[in-house]
Amino acid sequence: MIATTSSASSAVRGNKGFTLIEVLIALLVLSIGLVGIAALNLTGLRNVHSSYYTSIASSVALDFEERLWLAMADVNDGCLSAADVDAVLGDLVDAWQSNGAGTVTIPGLTVTRTGFRQDPDDFWIEASIRVGWEDARFGQPAERFPYTARVVCAPVAPPATP
């Protein structure tokens, strides 16, 4: 008996491997997944930067309140005036915008007073500020951090009785 091979018998066994179209579809699915992961990574980096600057803005706001308390030490009796609060704010901005060694700053830092209230009975003052910054690296709009500090006034000495 003579053994013969035919092309029909090899077609019946089936081809093993992938066709070119299957490989291209797999690469398309993989590339879409990788683009999604890269976009997720960029969004995460943007949110981390925003959180970092928000925590620095919180430190700026707390520093403002501590400077108000320090200014109250210079007041013998009564409350701080709006001019006193503006002077404290000016010192605060100068301190946080300086780029000396070891300082932490925010790009485009602005601190503005947005309100001032004084208790009619001179028990407290309330000063509101807005800390703002701009980070152009990610094309984000300017961010704002509002903060309100309430400081108790120094007690007024009662009039001397004869």
Protein backbone atom coordinates (compact mmCIF):
# COMPACT_ATOMS: atom_id res chain seq x y z
CA MET A 1 0.00 0.00 0.00
CA ILE A 2 1.17 3.41 -0.89
CA ALA A 3 0.46 6.26 1.54
CA THR A 4 -0.63 9.46 -0.06
CA THR A 5 -1.21 12.81 1.55
CA SER A 6 -3.86 15.10 0.35
CA SER A 7 -4.61 18.71 1.13
CA ALA A 8 -8.11 17.73 2.19
CA SER A 9 -6.84 15.64 5.09
CA SER A 10 -4.81 18.56 6.51
CA ALA A 11 -7.85 20.86 6.35
CA VAL A 12 -9.83 18.39 8.42
CA ARG A 13 -7.27 18.44 11.25
CA GLY A 14 -7.77 22.21 11.71
CA ASN A 15 -5.26 25.03 11.90
CA LYS A 16 -3.78 25.95 15.25
CA GLY A 17 -3.00 29.64 15.97
CA PHE A 18 -4.60 33.05 15.56
CA THR A 19 -5.56 34.87 12.44
CA LEU A 20 -4.32 38.39 11.80
CA ILE A 21 -7.76 39.91 12.47
CA GLU A 22 -7.95 38.23 15.89
CA VAL A 23 -4.55 39.63 16.84
CA LEU A 24 -5.53 43.14 15.70
CA ILE A 25 -8.78 43.04 17.71
CA ALA A 26 -6.88 41.87 20.82
CA LEU A 27 -4.40 44.74 20.40
CA LEU A 28 -7.26 47.23 20.02
CA VAL A 29 -8.91 46.03 23.25
CA LEU A 30 -5.56 46.14 25.07
CA SER A 31 -4.78 49.67 23.85
CA ILE A 32 -8.21 50.96 24.93
CA GLY A 33 -7.59 49.51 28.40
CA LEU A 34 -4.14 51.09 28.63
CA VAL A 35 -5.48 54.52 27.60
CA GLY A 36 -8.13 54.22 30.31
CA ILE A 37 -5.50 53.37 32.93
CA ALA A 38 -3.35 56.35 31.83
CA ALA A 39 -6.35 58.71 32.10
CA LEU A 40 -7.17 57.32 35.54
CA ASN A 41 -3.57 57.87 36.62
CA LEU A 42 -3.64 61.50 35.41
CA THR A 43 -6.93 62.15 37.25
CA GLY A 44 -5.47 60.66 40.42
CA LEU A 45 -2.37 62.86 40.14
CA ARG A 46 -4.54 65.95 39.63
CA ASN A 47 -6.62 65.11 42.72
CA VAL A 48 -3.51 64.48 44.83
CA HIS A 49 -2.16 67.92 43.87
CA SER A 50 -5.48 69.54 44.68
CA SER A 51 -5.55 67.81 48.07
CA TYR A 52 -1.99 68.90 48.80
CA TYR A 53 -2.77 72.55 48.02
CA THR A 54 -6.00 72.38 50.02
CA SER A 55 -4.07 71.15 53.06
CA ILE A 56 -1.59 74.02 52.66
CA ALA A 57 -4.52 76.45 52.34
CA SER A 58 -5.90 75.01 55.57
CA SER A 59 -2.55 75.71 57.23
CA VAL A 60 -2.64 79.29 55.90
CA ALA A 61 -6.14 79.75 57.34
CA LEU A 62 -5.15 78.35 60.73
CA ASP A 63 -2.08 80.59 60.72
CA PHE A 64 -4.43 83.54 60.12
CA GLU A 65 -6.48 82.62 63.18
CA GLU A 66 -3.36 82.19 65.33
CA ARG A 67 -2.09 85.59 64.19
CA LEU A 68 -5.45 87.09 65.19
CA TRP A 69 -5.05 85.61 68.67
CA LEU A 70 -1.51 87.00 68.81
CA ALA A 71 -2.81 90.43 67.81
CA MET A 72 -5.38 90.22 70.61
CA ALA A 73 -2.48 90.05 73.08
CA ASP A 74 -1.62 93.64 72.10
CA VAL A 75 -5.17 94.86 72.77
CA ASN A 76 -5.63 95.82 76.40
CA ASP A 77 -9.39 95.81 76.30
CA GLY A 78 -12.03 95.56 73.64
CA CYS A 79 -11.84 93.96 70.20
CA LEU A 80 -9.71 94.08 67.11
CA SER A 81 -10.92 96.47 64.44
CA ALA A 82 -11.25 95.71 60.75
CA ALA A 83 -8.01 97.66 60.19
CA ASP A 84 -6.25 95.43 62.74
CA VAL A 85 -7.51 92.34 60.89
CA ASP A 86 -6.28 93.75 57.57
CA ALA A 87 -2.83 94.37 59.10
CA VAL A 88 -2.72 90.77 60.33
CA LEU A 89 -3.78 89.63 56.87
CA GLY A 90 -1.02 91.67 55.22
CA ASP A 91 1.61 90.10 57.48
CA LEU A 92 0.16 86.66 56.76
CA VAL A 93 0.33 87.10 52.98
CA ASP A 94 3.89 88.44 53.18
CA ALA A 95 4.97 85.44 55.25
CA TRP A 96 3.36 82.81 53.01
CA GLN A 97 4.34 84.37 49.68
CA SER A 98 8.02 84.66 50.53
CA ASN A 99 10.06 81.97 48.88
CA GLY A 100 12.76 81.66 51.49
CA ALA A 101 14.51 78.42 52.29
CA GLY A 102 12.27 75.88 53.95
CA THR A 103 8.96 77.61 53.20
CA VAL A 104 6.00 75.90 51.62
CA THR A 105 4.00 77.96 49.16
CA ILE A 106 1.13 77.54 46.74
CA PRO A 107 1.46 78.82 43.16
CA GLY A 108 -0.57 81.99 42.69
CA LEU A 109 -1.50 82.24 46.39
CA THR A 110 -4.04 84.94 47.24
CA VAL A 111 -5.62 85.62 50.61
CA THR A 112 -8.49 88.10 50.77
CA ARG A 113 -10.75 89.19 53.60
CA THR A 114 -14.34 88.46 52.62
CA GLY A 115 -16.10 89.57 55.78
CA PHE A 116 -15.81 91.13 59.20
CA ARG A 117 -18.41 91.12 61.96
CA GLN A 118 -18.21 92.38 65.48
CA ASP A 119 -20.51 91.33 68.27
CA PRO A 120 -22.60 94.33 69.42
CA ASP A 121 -21.65 93.57 73.02
CA ASP A 122 -17.93 93.31 72.19
CA PHE A 123 -17.68 89.63 73.11
CA TRP A 124 -16.17 88.43 69.82
CA ILE A 125 -15.18 89.31 66.29
CA GLU A 126 -15.61 87.15 63.23
CA ALA A 127 -13.26 87.51 60.27
CA SER A 128 -13.76 85.57 57.04
CA ILE A 129 -11.03 84.99 54.48
CA ARG A 130 -10.72 83.19 51.17
CA VAL A 131 -7.46 81.46 50.31
CA GLY A 132 -7.05 81.00 46.57
CA TRP A 133 -4.46 79.49 44.24
CA GLU A 134 -3.94 78.59 40.61
CA ASP A 135 -2.15 75.52 39.33
CA ALA A 136 -1.55 75.86 35.60
CA ARG A 137 0.11 72.45 35.19
CA PHE A 138 -3.16 70.59 34.79
CA GLY A 139 -5.23 73.42 33.33
CA GLN A 140 -7.45 73.53 36.39
CA PRO A 141 -9.47 76.62 37.21
CA ALA A 142 -8.50 78.66 40.26
CA GLU A 143 -9.41 76.94 43.51
CA ARG A 144 -10.75 78.63 46.64
CA PHE A 145 -10.74 77.69 50.31
CA PRO A 146 -13.11 79.75 52.51
CA TYR A 147 -12.42 80.06 56.23
CA THR A 148 -14.04 81.97 59.09
CA ALA A 149 -12.27 82.65 62.37
CA ARG A 150 -14.08 83.79 65.51
CA VAL A 151 -11.89 85.40 68.15
CA VAL A 152 -13.04 86.30 71.65
CA CYS A 153 -12.39 89.90 72.61
CA ALA A 154 -10.33 90.96 75.57
CA PRO A 155 -12.50 91.76 78.56
CA VAL A 156 -13.15 95.41 79.14
CA ALA A 157 -12.07 96.56 82.58
CA PRO A 158 -15.02 97.79 84.62
CA PRO A 159 -14.92 101.44 85.66
CA ALA A 160 -13.25 102.06 88.98
CA THR A 161 -15.67 102.63 91.85
CA PRO A 162 -14.92 105.42 94.33
